[in-house]
N, C-alpha and C. Protein backbone atom coordinates (compact mmCIF):
# COMPACT_ATOMS: atom_id res chain seq x y z
N MET A 1 0.70 -1.21 -0.03
CA MET A 1 0.01 0.64 -0.16
C MET A 1 1.47 1.06 0.13
N GLN A 2 2.33 1.25 0.96
CA GLN A 2 2.75 2.00 0.90
C GLN A 2 3.47 2.96 -0.41
N ASN A 3 3.89 1.02 -1.01
CA ASN A 3 4.83 1.79 -2.15
C ASN A 3 3.51 2.46 -3.38
N ILE A 4 2.23 1.45 -3.98
CA ILE A 4 1.51 2.28 -4.77
C ILE A 4 1.40 3.79 -4.10
N GLN A 5 1.60 3.74 -2.89
CA GLN A 5 0.53 5.78 -2.68
C GLN A 5 2.37 6.03 -3.15
N THR A 6 3.28 6.17 -2.78
CA THR A 6 4.48 6.14 -2.82
C THR A 6 4.29 6.54 -4.94
N ALA A 7 4.14 6.31 -5.20
CA ALA A 7 4.20 5.99 -6.57
C ALA A 7 2.75 7.22 -7.00
N ILE A 8 1.67 6.70 -6.47
CA ILE A 8 0.92 7.88 -6.97
C ILE A 8 0.86 9.28 -7.10
N SER A 9 1.72 9.73 -5.47
CA SER A 9 2.21 10.63 -5.34
C SER A 9 3.42 11.20 -5.99
N GLU A 10 3.77 10.60 -6.43
CA GLU A 10 4.92 11.11 -7.65
C GLU A 10 4.72 11.15 -8.67
N ALA A 11 3.38 10.79 -9.23
CA ALA A 11 2.90 10.80 -10.20
C ALA A 11 1.74 12.04 -10.50
N GLY A 12 2.07 12.76 -9.39
CA GLY A 12 1.59 14.34 -8.93
C GLY A 12 -0.38 14.10 -9.01
N LEU A 13 -0.53 12.16 -8.30
CA LEU A 13 -2.06 11.90 -8.02
C LEU A 13 -2.13 11.87 -7.10
N GLY A 14 -1.76 12.37 -6.06
CA GLY A 14 -2.23 12.01 -4.37
C GLY A 14 -3.11 11.97 -3.95
N ASN A 15 -3.87 13.31 -4.13
CA ASN A 15 -4.92 13.73 -3.96
C ASN A 15 -6.80 13.53 -4.64
N GLU A 16 -5.88 12.65 -6.07
CA GLU A 16 -7.10 12.06 -6.53
C GLU A 16 -6.98 10.86 -6.85
N ILE A 17 -6.54 9.97 -6.33
CA ILE A 17 -6.72 8.61 -5.78
C ILE A 17 -6.14 7.89 -4.79
N LYS A 18 -7.18 7.78 -3.94
CA LYS A 18 -6.72 7.16 -3.31
C LYS A 18 -6.36 5.70 -2.69
N VAL A 19 -5.56 4.74 -1.74
CA VAL A 19 -5.22 3.45 -1.68
C VAL A 19 -5.45 2.44 -0.96
N SER A 20 -6.53 2.13 0.12
CA SER A 20 -7.19 1.06 0.53
C SER A 20 -6.99 -0.21 0.10
N THR A 21 -7.57 -0.70 1.49
CA THR A 21 -8.03 -2.25 0.99
C THR A 21 -8.78 -3.28 1.68
N ALA A 22 -9.30 -4.23 1.27
CA ALA A 22 -10.41 -4.86 1.74
C ALA A 22 -10.06 -5.35 2.77
N ILE A 23 -11.56 -5.39 4.54
CA ILE A 23 -11.13 -6.54 5.96
C ILE A 23 -12.71 -7.27 5.28
N GLY A 24 -12.78 -8.13 5.57
CA GLY A 24 -13.57 -9.52 6.33
C GLY A 24 -14.74 -8.25 7.09
N GLY A 25 -15.66 -7.77 7.23
CA GLY A 25 -16.27 -6.77 8.55
C GLY A 25 -16.85 -7.60 9.64
N TYR A 26 -17.02 -8.74 9.38
CA TYR A 26 -17.28 -9.95 10.70
C TYR A 26 -16.08 -10.64 10.72
N ALA A 27 -15.36 -10.98 10.09
CA ALA A 27 -14.27 -11.40 10.53
C ALA A 27 -13.14 -11.42 11.51
N ALA A 28 -13.12 -9.94 11.30
CA ALA A 28 -12.12 -9.19 12.01
C ALA A 28 -12.68 -8.39 12.94
N LEU A 29 -13.95 -8.40 13.36
CA LEU A 29 -14.14 -7.87 14.82
C LEU A 29 -13.61 -9.08 15.72
N ALA A 30 -13.88 -8.76 16.87
CA ALA A 30 -13.35 -9.66 18.13
C ALA A 30 -14.18 -10.96 18.43
N ASN A 31 -14.12 -11.95 18.93
CA ASN A 31 -15.79 -12.95 19.11
C ASN A 31 -16.45 -11.75 20.46
N GLY A 32 -18.05 -11.62 19.77
CA GLY A 32 -18.58 -11.22 21.27
C GLY A 32 -18.36 -9.94 21.16
N LYS A 33 -17.66 -9.43 20.10
CA LYS A 33 -17.76 -7.98 20.54
C LYS A 33 -18.23 -6.95 19.05
N SER A 34 -19.26 -6.92 19.16
CA SER A 34 -20.03 -6.56 17.42
C SER A 34 -21.93 -6.47 17.96
N PHE A 35 -21.84 -6.63 18.95
CA PHE A 35 -23.18 -6.59 19.70
C PHE A 35 -23.07 -6.16 21.42
N PRO A 36 -24.00 -4.82 21.03
CA PRO A 36 -24.22 -3.86 20.38
C PRO A 36 -23.00 -3.11 20.01
N PRO A 37 -23.74 -2.63 18.42
CA PRO A 37 -22.11 -1.57 17.97
C PRO A 37 -21.18 -0.94 18.65
N SER A 38 -21.47 0.15 19.30
CA SER A 38 -20.49 0.39 20.45
C SER A 38 -19.74 -0.74 21.36
N THR A 39 -19.97 -1.62 21.12
CA THR A 39 -18.55 -2.40 21.77
C THR A 39 -17.73 -3.54 20.48
N GLY A 40 -18.10 -2.94 18.65
CA GLY A 40 -17.37 -3.33 18.12
C GLY A 40 -15.91 -3.58 18.35
N GLU A 41 -15.11 -4.23 17.47
CA GLU A 41 -13.74 -4.12 18.77
C GLU A 41 -12.61 -4.94 17.91
N PHE A 42 -11.64 -4.51 16.71
CA PHE A 42 -11.31 -5.83 16.32
C PHE A 42 -9.94 -7.07 17.51
N ASN A 43 -10.75 -8.52 16.86
CA ASN A 43 -9.31 -8.78 16.75
C ASN A 43 -8.09 -8.27 17.31
N SER A 44 -7.85 -9.12 18.41
CA SER A 44 -6.54 -8.40 18.79
C SER A 44 -5.50 -9.00 18.41
N ASP A 45 -4.95 -10.60 17.71
CA ASP A 45 -3.96 -11.40 16.79
C ASP A 45 -4.84 -10.02 15.51
N TYR A 46 -5.79 -10.15 14.98
CA TYR A 46 -5.73 -9.47 13.36
C TYR A 46 -5.01 -8.06 12.88
N LEU A 47 -5.48 -7.76 14.34
CA LEU A 47 -5.59 -5.71 14.42
C LEU A 47 -3.54 -6.38 14.56
N GLY A 48 -3.06 -6.61 15.28
CA GLY A 48 -1.26 -6.62 15.64
C GLY A 48 -0.17 -6.63 14.59
N ALA A 49 -1.46 -8.24 14.18
CA ALA A 49 -0.01 -7.91 12.86
C ALA A 49 -0.49 -7.61 11.45
N TYR A 50 -2.02 -7.70 10.85
CA TYR A 50 -2.29 -6.66 9.66
C TYR A 50 -3.03 -5.33 10.29
N LEU A 51 -3.73 -5.20 11.16
CA LEU A 51 -4.74 -3.59 10.68
C LEU A 51 -4.33 -2.76 11.30
N ASP A 52 -3.41 -2.92 12.35
CA ASP A 52 -2.65 -1.89 12.77
C ASP A 52 -2.31 -0.66 11.98
N GLY A 53 -1.27 -0.76 11.37
CA GLY A 53 -0.52 -0.35 9.73
C GLY A 53 -1.55 0.29 9.32
N VAL A 54 -2.49 -0.72 8.84
CA VAL A 54 -2.87 -0.14 7.58
C VAL A 54 -3.90 1.16 8.20
N ILE A 55 -5.08 0.49 9.45
CA ILE A 55 -5.37 1.92 10.05
C ILE A 55 -4.55 3.25 9.85
N LYS A 56 -3.33 2.69 10.51
CA LYS A 56 -3.15 4.45 10.27
C LYS A 56 -2.18 5.11 9.08
N PHE A 57 -1.32 4.50 8.29
CA PHE A 57 -2.03 4.47 6.46
C PHE A 57 -3.29 5.48 5.98
N LEU A 58 -4.47 4.39 6.30
CA LEU A 58 -5.05 5.37 6.32
C LEU A 58 -5.75 6.76 6.86
N VAL A 59 -5.80 6.65 7.95
CA VAL A 59 -5.69 8.43 8.41
C VAL A 59 -4.14 9.33 8.01
N LYS A 60 -3.00 8.95 7.91
CA LYS A 60 -2.00 9.78 7.25
C LYS A 60 -2.58 9.95 5.62
N ASN A 61 -2.99 9.07 5.31
CA ASN A 61 -2.90 9.33 3.62
C ASN A 61 -4.60 9.95 3.43
N ASN A 62 -5.63 10.39 4.76
CA ASN A 62 -7.27 10.27 4.73
C ASN A 62 -8.14 9.42 3.71
N SER A 63 -7.62 8.46 3.32
CA SER A 63 -8.39 7.07 2.87
C SER A 63 -8.85 6.36 3.07
N PRO A 64 -10.11 5.41 2.84
CA PRO A 64 -11.24 4.66 3.11
C PRO A 64 -10.82 3.62 3.72
N LEU A 65 -11.47 2.79 4.22
CA LEU A 65 -11.62 2.03 4.82
C LEU A 65 -12.12 0.78 4.26
N LEU A 66 -12.28 -0.21 2.95
CA LEU A 66 -13.02 -1.19 2.97
C LEU A 66 -13.57 -2.39 3.13
N ALA A 67 -14.71 -2.46 3.95
CA ALA A 67 -15.17 -3.49 4.88
C ALA A 67 -16.44 -4.18 4.07
N ASN A 68 -16.14 -5.88 3.91
CA ASN A 68 -17.10 -6.73 3.52
C ASN A 68 -18.02 -6.16 4.59
N VAL A 69 -19.15 -5.67 4.56
CA VAL A 69 -20.72 -6.27 5.31
C VAL A 69 -21.68 -7.37 5.04
N TYR A 70 -21.23 -8.37 5.42
CA TYR A 70 -22.46 -9.52 5.23
C TYR A 70 -23.69 -9.13 6.12
N PRO A 71 -24.47 -8.73 6.59
CA PRO A 71 -26.02 -9.42 7.61
C PRO A 71 -26.15 -10.62 7.29
N TYR A 72 -26.07 -11.29 6.08
CA TYR A 72 -27.05 -12.91 5.64
C TYR A 72 -26.03 -13.02 7.16
N ILE A 73 -24.60 -13.52 6.94
CA ILE A 73 -23.46 -14.48 6.88
C ILE A 73 -23.71 -13.60 9.27
N TYR A 74 -23.89 -12.89 9.69
CA TYR A 74 -24.17 -12.69 10.49
C TYR A 74 -25.67 -13.08 11.16
N TYR A 75 -26.80 -13.52 10.25
CA TYR A 75 -28.35 -13.46 10.56
C TYR A 75 -27.94 -14.95 11.01
N VAL A 76 -26.93 -16.10 10.27
CA VAL A 76 -27.32 -17.42 10.58
C VAL A 76 -26.06 -16.76 11.41
N SER A 77 -24.56 -17.35 10.83
CA SER A 77 -23.75 -17.72 12.50
C SER A 77 -24.26 -16.93 13.83
N THR A 78 -25.16 -16.35 13.95
CA THR A 78 -24.83 -16.21 15.35
C THR A 78 -26.34 -16.24 16.03
N GLN A 79 -27.24 -16.85 15.12
CA GLN A 79 -28.73 -17.77 15.52
C GLN A 79 -29.35 -16.78 16.82
N ARG A 80 -29.81 -15.33 16.49
CA ARG A 80 -30.07 -14.23 17.52
C ARG A 80 -31.99 -14.97 16.59
N THR A 81 -32.33 -14.91 18.23
CA THR A 81 -33.82 -15.43 18.25
C THR A 81 -34.14 -13.86 18.19
N ASP A 82 -33.40 -12.63 18.64
CA ASP A 82 -34.35 -11.30 18.40
C ASP A 82 -33.80 -11.04 17.00
N LEU A 83 -32.91 -11.25 15.84
CA LEU A 83 -32.06 -11.00 15.14
C LEU A 83 -33.95 -11.60 14.21
N SER A 84 -34.80 -10.50 13.39
CA SER A 84 -35.71 -11.92 12.57
C SER A 84 -35.24 -10.82 11.08
N LEU A 85 -35.55 -11.54 9.67
CA LEU A 85 -35.45 -11.05 8.59
C LEU A 85 -35.78 -9.66 8.21
N ASP A 86 -37.08 -9.15 8.89
CA ASP A 86 -37.84 -7.87 8.20
C ASP A 86 -36.64 -6.59 8.44
N TYR A 87 -36.20 -7.35 9.76
CA TYR A 87 -34.97 -6.78 10.31
C TYR A 87 -33.23 -6.59 9.84
N ALA A 88 -33.22 -7.74 9.30
CA ALA A 88 -32.33 -7.96 8.38
C ALA A 88 -32.59 -7.16 6.57
N PHE A 89 -33.58 -6.87 6.37
CA PHE A 89 -34.10 -6.43 5.32
C PHE A 89 -34.28 -4.65 4.84
N PHE A 90 -34.26 -4.45 5.95
CA PHE A 90 -34.20 -2.72 6.44
C PHE A 90 -36.15 -3.04 6.53
N GLU A 91 -36.86 -3.51 6.87
CA GLU A 91 -38.15 -3.29 6.62
C GLU A 91 -38.32 -3.06 8.27
N LYS A 92 -38.62 -2.65 8.89
CA LYS A 92 -38.49 -2.53 9.89
C LYS A 92 -39.07 -0.92 10.89
N GLU A 93 -39.93 -0.33 10.78
CA GLU A 93 -39.83 1.01 11.54
C GLU A 93 -39.53 1.72 12.40
N SER A 94 -39.63 0.84 13.18
CA SER A 94 -39.58 0.80 15.21
C SER A 94 -38.05 0.69 15.18
N VAL A 95 -37.06 0.74 16.34
CA VAL A 95 -36.21 0.81 16.20
C VAL A 95 -35.95 -0.44 17.28
N VAL A 96 -35.12 -1.70 16.38
CA VAL A 96 -35.38 -3.26 16.85
C VAL A 96 -34.27 -3.58 18.19
N VAL A 97 -32.82 -2.16 18.13
CA VAL A 97 -31.76 -2.59 19.43
C VAL A 97 -31.68 -0.98 19.30
N ARG A 98 -31.38 -0.42 20.86
CA ARG A 98 -30.97 0.32 21.80
C ARG A 98 -29.25 0.01 21.98
N ASP A 99 -29.41 0.91 21.36
CA ASP A 99 -27.20 1.25 21.77
C ASP A 99 -27.28 2.89 23.08
N GLY A 100 -27.28 2.65 23.67
CA GLY A 100 -27.16 3.73 24.06
C GLY A 100 -28.17 4.82 23.78
N SER A 101 -27.69 6.51 23.24
CA SER A 101 -28.37 7.24 22.84
C SER A 101 -29.12 6.05 20.94
N LEU A 102 -28.18 5.87 20.53
CA LEU A 102 -28.65 5.40 19.78
C LEU A 102 -28.95 4.58 18.96
N GLY A 103 -30.37 4.33 17.97
CA GLY A 103 -31.65 3.17 17.80
C GLY A 103 -31.67 2.96 17.03
N TYR A 104 -31.10 1.43 16.24
CA TYR A 104 -31.32 0.59 15.50
C TYR A 104 -32.00 -0.48 14.81
N LYS A 105 -32.14 0.29 13.19
CA LYS A 105 -33.37 -0.08 12.74
C LYS A 105 -33.53 -1.75 11.87
N ASN A 106 -31.93 -1.48 11.61
CA ASN A 106 -31.93 -2.64 10.72
C ASN A 106 -30.50 -2.91 11.06
N LEU A 107 -29.75 -4.15 9.92
CA LEU A 107 -29.20 -5.30 10.35
C LEU A 107 -27.73 -4.97 9.40
N PHE A 108 -27.80 -4.21 8.81
CA PHE A 108 -26.81 -3.46 7.74
C PHE A 108 -26.03 -1.98 8.65
N ASP A 109 -27.38 -1.32 9.06
CA ASP A 109 -26.53 -0.28 10.07
C ASP A 109 -25.62 -0.95 11.39
N ALA A 110 -26.69 -1.34 11.97
CA ALA A 110 -25.33 -2.54 13.35
C ALA A 110 -24.46 -2.41 12.93
N ASN A 111 -24.30 -3.29 11.88
CA ASN A 111 -22.57 -4.15 11.14
C ASN A 111 -21.61 -3.82 11.17
N VAL A 112 -22.09 -2.24 10.36
CA VAL A 112 -21.18 -1.12 9.76
C VAL A 112 -20.68 -0.44 11.14
N ASP A 113 -21.63 0.11 12.60
CA ASP A 113 -21.36 0.77 13.35
C ASP A 113 -20.79 0.38 14.51
N ALA A 114 -20.92 -1.84 14.17
CA ALA A 114 -19.38 -2.28 15.08
C ALA A 114 -18.10 -2.29 14.34
N ILE A 115 -17.52 -1.34 13.05
CA ILE A 115 -16.47 -1.43 12.50
C ILE A 115 -16.22 0.29 12.59
N TYR A 116 -17.37 0.77 12.74
CA TYR A 116 -16.59 1.99 13.21
C TYR A 116 -15.92 2.98 14.42
N SER A 117 -16.68 1.86 15.42
CA SER A 117 -16.31 1.76 16.54
C SER A 117 -15.48 0.77 17.12
N ALA A 118 -15.06 -0.04 16.38
CA ALA A 118 -13.70 -0.64 16.19
C ALA A 118 -12.36 0.14 15.90
N LEU A 119 -12.82 1.20 15.02
CA LEU A 119 -12.07 1.91 14.28
C LEU A 119 -11.82 2.85 15.48
N GLU A 120 -13.01 3.50 16.03
CA GLU A 120 -12.18 4.35 16.75
C GLU A 120 -11.34 4.18 18.15
N ARG A 121 -11.75 2.79 18.42
CA ARG A 121 -10.65 2.46 19.99
C ARG A 121 -9.01 1.55 18.73
N ALA A 122 -8.74 1.81 17.97
CA ALA A 122 -7.92 1.14 17.10
C ALA A 122 -7.71 2.97 16.55
N GLY A 123 -7.99 3.87 17.19
CA GLY A 123 -6.99 4.98 16.56
C GLY A 123 -7.29 6.05 15.07
N GLY A 124 -8.92 5.64 14.46
CA GLY A 124 -9.02 5.24 13.20
C GLY A 124 -10.72 5.95 13.38
N LYS A 125 -10.30 6.80 14.32
CA LYS A 125 -11.85 7.80 14.11
C LYS A 125 -12.21 8.88 13.03
N SER A 126 -11.14 8.82 12.42
CA SER A 126 -11.16 10.14 10.92
C SER A 126 -11.62 9.25 9.57
N VAL A 127 -11.26 8.12 9.85
CA VAL A 127 -11.58 6.81 8.55
C VAL A 127 -12.94 6.40 8.02
N ARG A 128 -13.21 7.08 7.37
CA ARG A 128 -14.36 6.80 7.06
C ARG A 128 -14.88 5.30 5.65
N ILE A 129 -15.39 4.62 6.59
CA ILE A 129 -15.55 3.32 5.50
C ILE A 129 -17.23 3.11 4.03
N VAL A 130 -16.07 2.86 2.99
CA VAL A 130 -16.99 2.06 2.01
C VAL A 130 -17.08 0.44 2.54
N VAL A 131 -17.52 -0.12 2.16
CA VAL A 131 -18.90 -0.86 1.98
C VAL A 131 -18.87 -1.56 0.78
N SER A 132 -17.87 -2.42 0.22
CA SER A 132 -16.72 -2.99 -0.53
C SER A 132 -17.38 -4.38 -1.56
N GLU A 133 -18.02 -5.15 -0.40
CA GLU A 133 -19.20 -6.16 -1.03
C GLU A 133 -20.04 -6.18 -0.04
N THR A 134 -20.93 -6.02 0.29
CA THR A 134 -22.92 -6.70 0.44
C THR A 134 -23.88 -7.14 -0.28
N GLY A 135 -24.70 -8.41 -0.25
CA GLY A 135 -25.81 -8.58 -0.64
C GLY A 135 -25.81 -10.00 0.20
N TRP A 136 -27.17 -10.14 -0.13
CA TRP A 136 -28.49 -12.05 -0.04
C TRP A 136 -28.30 -13.17 -1.12
N PRO A 137 -27.26 -14.23 -0.65
CA PRO A 137 -27.91 -15.16 -1.36
C PRO A 137 -29.31 -15.68 -2.11
N SER A 138 -29.01 -16.05 -3.50
CA SER A 138 -30.73 -16.85 -3.52
C SER A 138 -31.07 -17.49 -3.00
N SER A 139 -29.94 -18.96 -2.91
CA SER A 139 -30.20 -20.59 -3.01
C SER A 139 -29.51 -20.82 -2.17
N GLY A 140 -28.50 -22.27 -1.78
CA GLY A 140 -27.99 -23.26 -1.43
C GLY A 140 -27.76 -22.81 0.63
N GLY A 141 -28.63 -22.35 1.52
CA GLY A 141 -28.39 -22.23 2.54
C GLY A 141 -29.77 -21.68 3.26
N GLU A 142 -29.84 -21.51 4.37
CA GLU A 142 -30.47 -21.23 5.38
C GLU A 142 -31.54 -19.58 4.87
N ALA A 143 -32.86 -18.98 4.48
CA ALA A 143 -33.26 -18.28 4.48
C ALA A 143 -32.71 -17.85 2.50
N THR A 144 -32.31 -18.51 2.35
CA THR A 144 -31.87 -18.12 0.75
C THR A 144 -33.53 -18.25 -0.33
N THR A 145 -33.82 -17.57 -0.57
CA THR A 145 -34.31 -17.21 -1.41
C THR A 145 -34.33 -16.09 -2.72
N LEU A 146 -34.82 -16.61 -3.93
CA LEU A 146 -35.05 -15.39 -4.89
C LEU A 146 -35.69 -13.83 -4.08
N ASP A 147 -36.58 -14.39 -3.59
CA ASP A 147 -37.05 -13.45 -2.93
C ASP A 147 -36.27 -12.33 -2.02
N ASN A 148 -35.85 -13.68 -1.34
CA ASN A 148 -34.45 -12.60 -0.49
C ASN A 148 -33.65 -11.89 -1.26
N ALA A 149 -33.35 -12.49 -1.43
CA ALA A 149 -32.28 -11.68 -2.12
C ALA A 149 -32.26 -10.13 -3.09
N LYS A 150 -33.59 -10.73 -3.25
CA LYS A 150 -33.94 -9.06 -3.89
C LYS A 150 -34.35 -8.05 -3.09
N THR A 151 -35.35 -8.30 -2.20
CA THR A 151 -35.68 -7.14 -0.95
C THR A 151 -35.05 -6.73 -1.06
N TYR A 152 -33.57 -7.26 0.01
CA TYR A 152 -32.91 -6.95 0.48
C TYR A 152 -31.46 -5.68 0.04
N ASN A 153 -31.78 -6.58 -1.81
CA ASN A 153 -30.45 -5.52 -2.72
C ASN A 153 -31.49 -4.34 -3.14
N THR A 154 -33.00 -4.33 -2.97
CA THR A 154 -33.53 -3.26 -3.69
C THR A 154 -33.88 -2.48 -2.17
N ASN A 155 -34.39 -3.02 -0.77
CA ASN A 155 -34.03 -2.42 -0.36
C ASN A 155 -32.46 -1.50 0.52
N LEU A 156 -31.58 -2.29 0.20
CA LEU A 156 -30.33 -1.59 0.59
C LEU A 156 -29.99 -0.39 -0.45
N VAL A 157 -30.15 -0.90 -1.75
CA VAL A 157 -30.28 0.74 -2.47
C VAL A 157 -30.55 2.18 -1.87
N LYS A 158 -31.50 1.48 -1.80
CA LYS A 158 -32.60 2.86 -0.84
C LYS A 158 -31.74 3.41 -0.13
N HIS A 159 -31.53 2.17 0.83
CA HIS A 159 -31.31 2.61 2.48
C HIS A 159 -30.02 3.97 2.48
N VAL A 160 -28.82 3.11 1.46
CA VAL A 160 -27.66 3.71 1.61
C VAL A 160 -27.12 4.88 1.37
N LYS A 161 -28.07 5.84 0.82
CA LYS A 161 -28.25 6.61 0.71
C LYS A 161 -28.45 8.05 1.76
N GLY A 162 -28.43 7.35 3.04
CA GLY A 162 -28.87 8.21 4.32
C GLY A 162 -27.80 7.72 5.49
N GLY A 163 -26.96 7.19 5.17
CA GLY A 163 -25.52 7.24 6.50
C GLY A 163 -26.82 6.25 7.34
N THR A 164 -25.48 5.73 8.39
CA THR A 164 -25.58 4.77 9.77
C THR A 164 -26.37 5.26 10.71
N PRO A 165 -26.70 5.78 12.51
CA PRO A 165 -27.38 6.51 13.37
C PRO A 165 -25.94 7.27 13.90
N LYS A 166 -24.42 6.29 13.85
CA LYS A 166 -23.50 7.15 14.18
C LYS A 166 -22.74 7.95 13.12
N ARG A 167 -23.15 7.61 12.10
CA ARG A 167 -22.79 8.73 10.86
C ARG A 167 -24.07 8.98 10.02
N PRO A 168 -24.50 9.49 10.63
CA PRO A 168 -26.27 10.53 9.61
C PRO A 168 -26.02 11.26 9.03
N ASN A 169 -27.03 11.24 7.58
CA ASN A 169 -27.01 11.96 7.09
C ASN A 169 -25.49 12.22 5.58
N LYS A 170 -24.92 10.97 5.97
CA LYS A 170 -24.06 10.89 5.31
C LYS A 170 -24.09 9.48 4.16
N PRO A 171 -24.37 9.76 2.85
CA PRO A 171 -24.65 8.76 2.03
C PRO A 171 -23.00 7.23 2.36
N ILE A 172 -23.46 6.28 2.68
CA ILE A 172 -22.75 5.09 2.52
C ILE A 172 -22.51 4.38 1.15
N GLU A 173 -20.38 4.73 0.44
CA GLU A 173 -21.09 4.28 -0.53
C GLU A 173 -20.50 2.97 -0.72
N THR A 174 -21.31 1.87 -1.33
CA THR A 174 -21.44 1.23 -1.28
C THR A 174 -21.60 0.19 -2.53
N TYR A 175 -21.21 -1.25 -3.01
CA TYR A 175 -21.17 -2.11 -3.69
C TYR A 175 -21.76 -3.74 -3.48
N VAL A 176 -22.76 -3.84 -4.63
CA VAL A 176 -23.48 -4.98 -4.70
C VAL A 176 -22.27 -6.12 -4.69
N TYR A 177 -21.84 -7.02 -4.09
CA TYR A 177 -21.78 -8.83 -4.18
C TYR A 177 -22.69 -9.73 -4.47
N ALA A 178 -23.25 -10.09 -5.82
CA ALA A 178 -21.79 -9.95 -6.71
C ALA A 178 -22.56 -9.65 -8.48
N LEU A 179 -22.38 -9.75 -9.36
CA LEU A 179 -22.73 -9.27 -10.40
C LEU A 179 -23.07 -10.17 -11.15
N PHE A 180 -22.41 -11.66 -11.05
CA PHE A 180 -22.52 -13.10 -11.49
C PHE A 180 -22.78 -14.30 -10.24
N ASP A 181 -24.04 -14.90 -11.22
CA ASP A 181 -23.69 -16.30 -9.90
C ASP A 181 -22.69 -17.05 -10.18
N GLU A 182 -21.51 -17.80 -9.27
CA GLU A 182 -20.44 -18.27 -9.78
C GLU A 182 -21.16 -20.40 -9.51
N ASN A 183 -21.24 -20.78 -11.02
CA ASN A 183 -22.04 -21.96 -11.06
C ASN A 183 -20.67 -23.02 -10.28
N GLN A 184 -19.01 -22.34 -10.34
CA GLN A 184 -18.37 -23.18 -9.90
C GLN A 184 -17.42 -22.96 -8.31
N LYS A 185 -18.39 -22.42 -8.28
CA LYS A 185 -17.78 -21.96 -6.77
C LYS A 185 -17.80 -22.61 -5.68
N ASN A 186 -16.39 -22.81 -4.71
CA ASN A 186 -16.26 -24.11 -3.20
C ASN A 186 -16.41 -23.33 -1.91
N THR A 187 -17.33 -23.20 -1.20
CA THR A 187 -17.34 -22.02 -0.35
C THR A 187 -17.03 -23.45 0.83
N PRO A 188 -16.12 -22.49 1.62
CA PRO A 188 -15.37 -24.19 2.83
C PRO A 188 -16.72 -24.21 3.78
N ARG A 189 -16.30 -25.14 4.64
CA ARG A 189 -17.48 -25.46 5.29
C ARG A 189 -16.66 -24.91 6.44
N ASP A 190 -17.48 -24.68 7.36
CA ASP A 190 -16.79 -23.99 8.93
C ASP A 190 -18.19 -24.65 9.90
N ALA A 191 -18.79 -24.11 10.93
CA ALA A 191 -19.37 -24.71 12.13
C ALA A 191 -20.70 -24.24 11.71
N TYR A 192 -20.85 -22.94 11.19
CA TYR A 192 -21.24 -22.38 10.87
C TYR A 192 -22.24 -22.80 9.36
N PHE A 193 -21.83 -22.94 8.48
CA PHE A 193 -21.75 -23.26 6.79
C PHE A 193 -22.02 -24.76 6.66
N LYS A 194 -22.40 -25.85 7.17
CA LYS A 194 -22.30 -26.76 7.02
C LYS A 194 -22.67 -27.52 5.25
N ASN A 195 -23.60 -26.43 4.25
CA ASN A 195 -23.28 -26.45 3.05
C ASN A 195 -22.85 -25.27 2.36
N PRO A 196 -22.08 -26.07 1.47
CA PRO A 196 -21.18 -24.66 0.90
C PRO A 196 -21.46 -24.35 -0.40
N GLN A 197 -23.18 -24.53 -0.70
CA GLN A 197 -23.51 -23.96 -1.77
C GLN A 197 -24.19 -22.26 -1.55
N TYR A 198 -24.07 -22.46 -0.61
CA TYR A 198 -25.13 -20.78 -1.04
C TYR A 198 -24.19 -20.32 -1.33
N GLY A 199 -22.91 -20.28 -0.69
CA GLY A 199 -21.61 -19.34 -2.36
C GLY A 199 -21.82 -19.23 -3.25
N LYS A 200 -22.71 -20.07 -4.19
CA LYS A 200 -22.84 -19.68 -5.20
C LYS A 200 -23.84 -19.02 -6.00
N PHE A 201 -24.45 -18.38 -5.08
CA PHE A 201 -25.99 -18.01 -5.51
C PHE A 201 -26.11 -16.57 -5.41
N TRP A 202 -24.72 -15.62 -5.25
CA TRP A 202 -24.90 -14.14 -4.67
C TRP A 202 -24.84 -13.24 -6.26
N GLY A 203 -25.27 -13.83 -6.95
CA GLY A 203 -25.03 -12.85 -8.44
C GLY A 203 -26.89 -12.05 -8.90
N LEU A 204 -26.65 -10.56 -9.39
CA LEU A 204 -27.04 -10.24 -9.65
C LEU A 204 -27.97 -11.00 -11.11
N PHE A 205 -27.36 -11.89 -11.71
CA PHE A 205 -27.28 -12.34 -13.17
C PHE A 205 -26.90 -13.69 -12.67
N LEU A 206 -27.62 -14.31 -13.54
CA LEU A 206 -27.43 -16.12 -13.81
C LEU A 206 -25.80 -16.23 -14.48
N PRO A 207 -25.25 -17.63 -14.83
CA PRO A 207 -24.29 -17.35 -15.47
C PRO A 207 -23.89 -17.17 -16.85
N ASN A 208 -25.23 -17.80 -17.07
CA ASN A 208 -25.51 -17.02 -18.76
C ASN A 208 -26.05 -15.70 -19.41
N LYS A 209 -25.70 -14.91 -18.30
CA LYS A 209 -25.90 -13.34 -18.52
C LYS A 209 -27.80 -13.03 -18.46
N GLN A 210 -28.70 -13.90 -17.86
CA GLN A 210 -29.50 -13.06 -17.77
C GLN A 210 -30.41 -13.45 -16.43
N PRO A 211 -30.65 -11.67 -16.39
CA PRO A 211 -31.27 -11.31 -15.04
C PRO A 211 -31.97 -11.86 -13.82
N LYS A 212 -30.77 -12.45 -12.33
CA LYS A 212 -32.34 -13.16 -11.95
C LYS A 212 -33.69 -12.80 -11.28
N TYR A 213 -33.67 -11.62 -11.67
CA TYR A 213 -34.47 -10.40 -10.59
C TYR A 213 -34.76 -9.55 -11.52
N PRO A 214 -35.73 -8.34 -11.94
CA PRO A 214 -35.58 -6.67 -12.17
C PRO A 214 -35.15 -6.31 -10.78
N ILE A 215 -34.49 -5.25 -10.90
CA ILE A 215 -33.53 -4.09 -9.64
C ILE A 215 -33.05 -3.32 -10.44
N ASN A 216 -33.54 -1.63 -9.81
CA ASN A 216 -33.18 -0.41 -9.77
C ASN A 216 -32.27 -0.15 -8.65
N LEU A 217 -30.53 -0.34 -9.56
CA LEU A 217 -29.59 0.87 -8.33
C LEU A 217 -29.75 1.08 -8.95
N ASN A 218 -30.30 2.29 -9.11
CA ASN A 218 -30.22 4.73 -9.11
C ASN A 218 -30.66 4.36 -7.48
């Protein structure tokens, strides 16, 4: 990252191009340190070996942190009985999770703000988060249907224009994962996902280039 930043700066593009890297938002947080969002804290091994230097770099260069934010994985892996699908799908009109003075109506905001809390604890309060991956699989696992994938992504596009409780009125730069289903992709088995098939079905399009469902990304 530093070598790329040096090359960009020497080319006179240091203010136009930002250098960053991506983290797995859920994986980077310490076990049990994501709920409520204000308790967000990075895994100490991950922070010490890798992320501490990255955060210092981002602060120095006023660059964002790219975070892969997957409410689906949080919803399935935590098995929290108080987290419903409509909370994951941005369809709650009232506060579900109260965290001090902040209230959360959807799981996406809670996940993003847990990373913001972890950044603040690690000296990265000024760092902006860009959601580099998010989405919902349409098949292959628990709560995976075509309608669920369409609902999540459609409501996501509307929601990210308004920010999170910790960073209100600041649109969240967000990228949907993925463009295509990956029919040959294998997802590693783990304690939560004993069926690896869900990893093949995140796309907006089928491998034959046909759209899986209509969606407006504007």
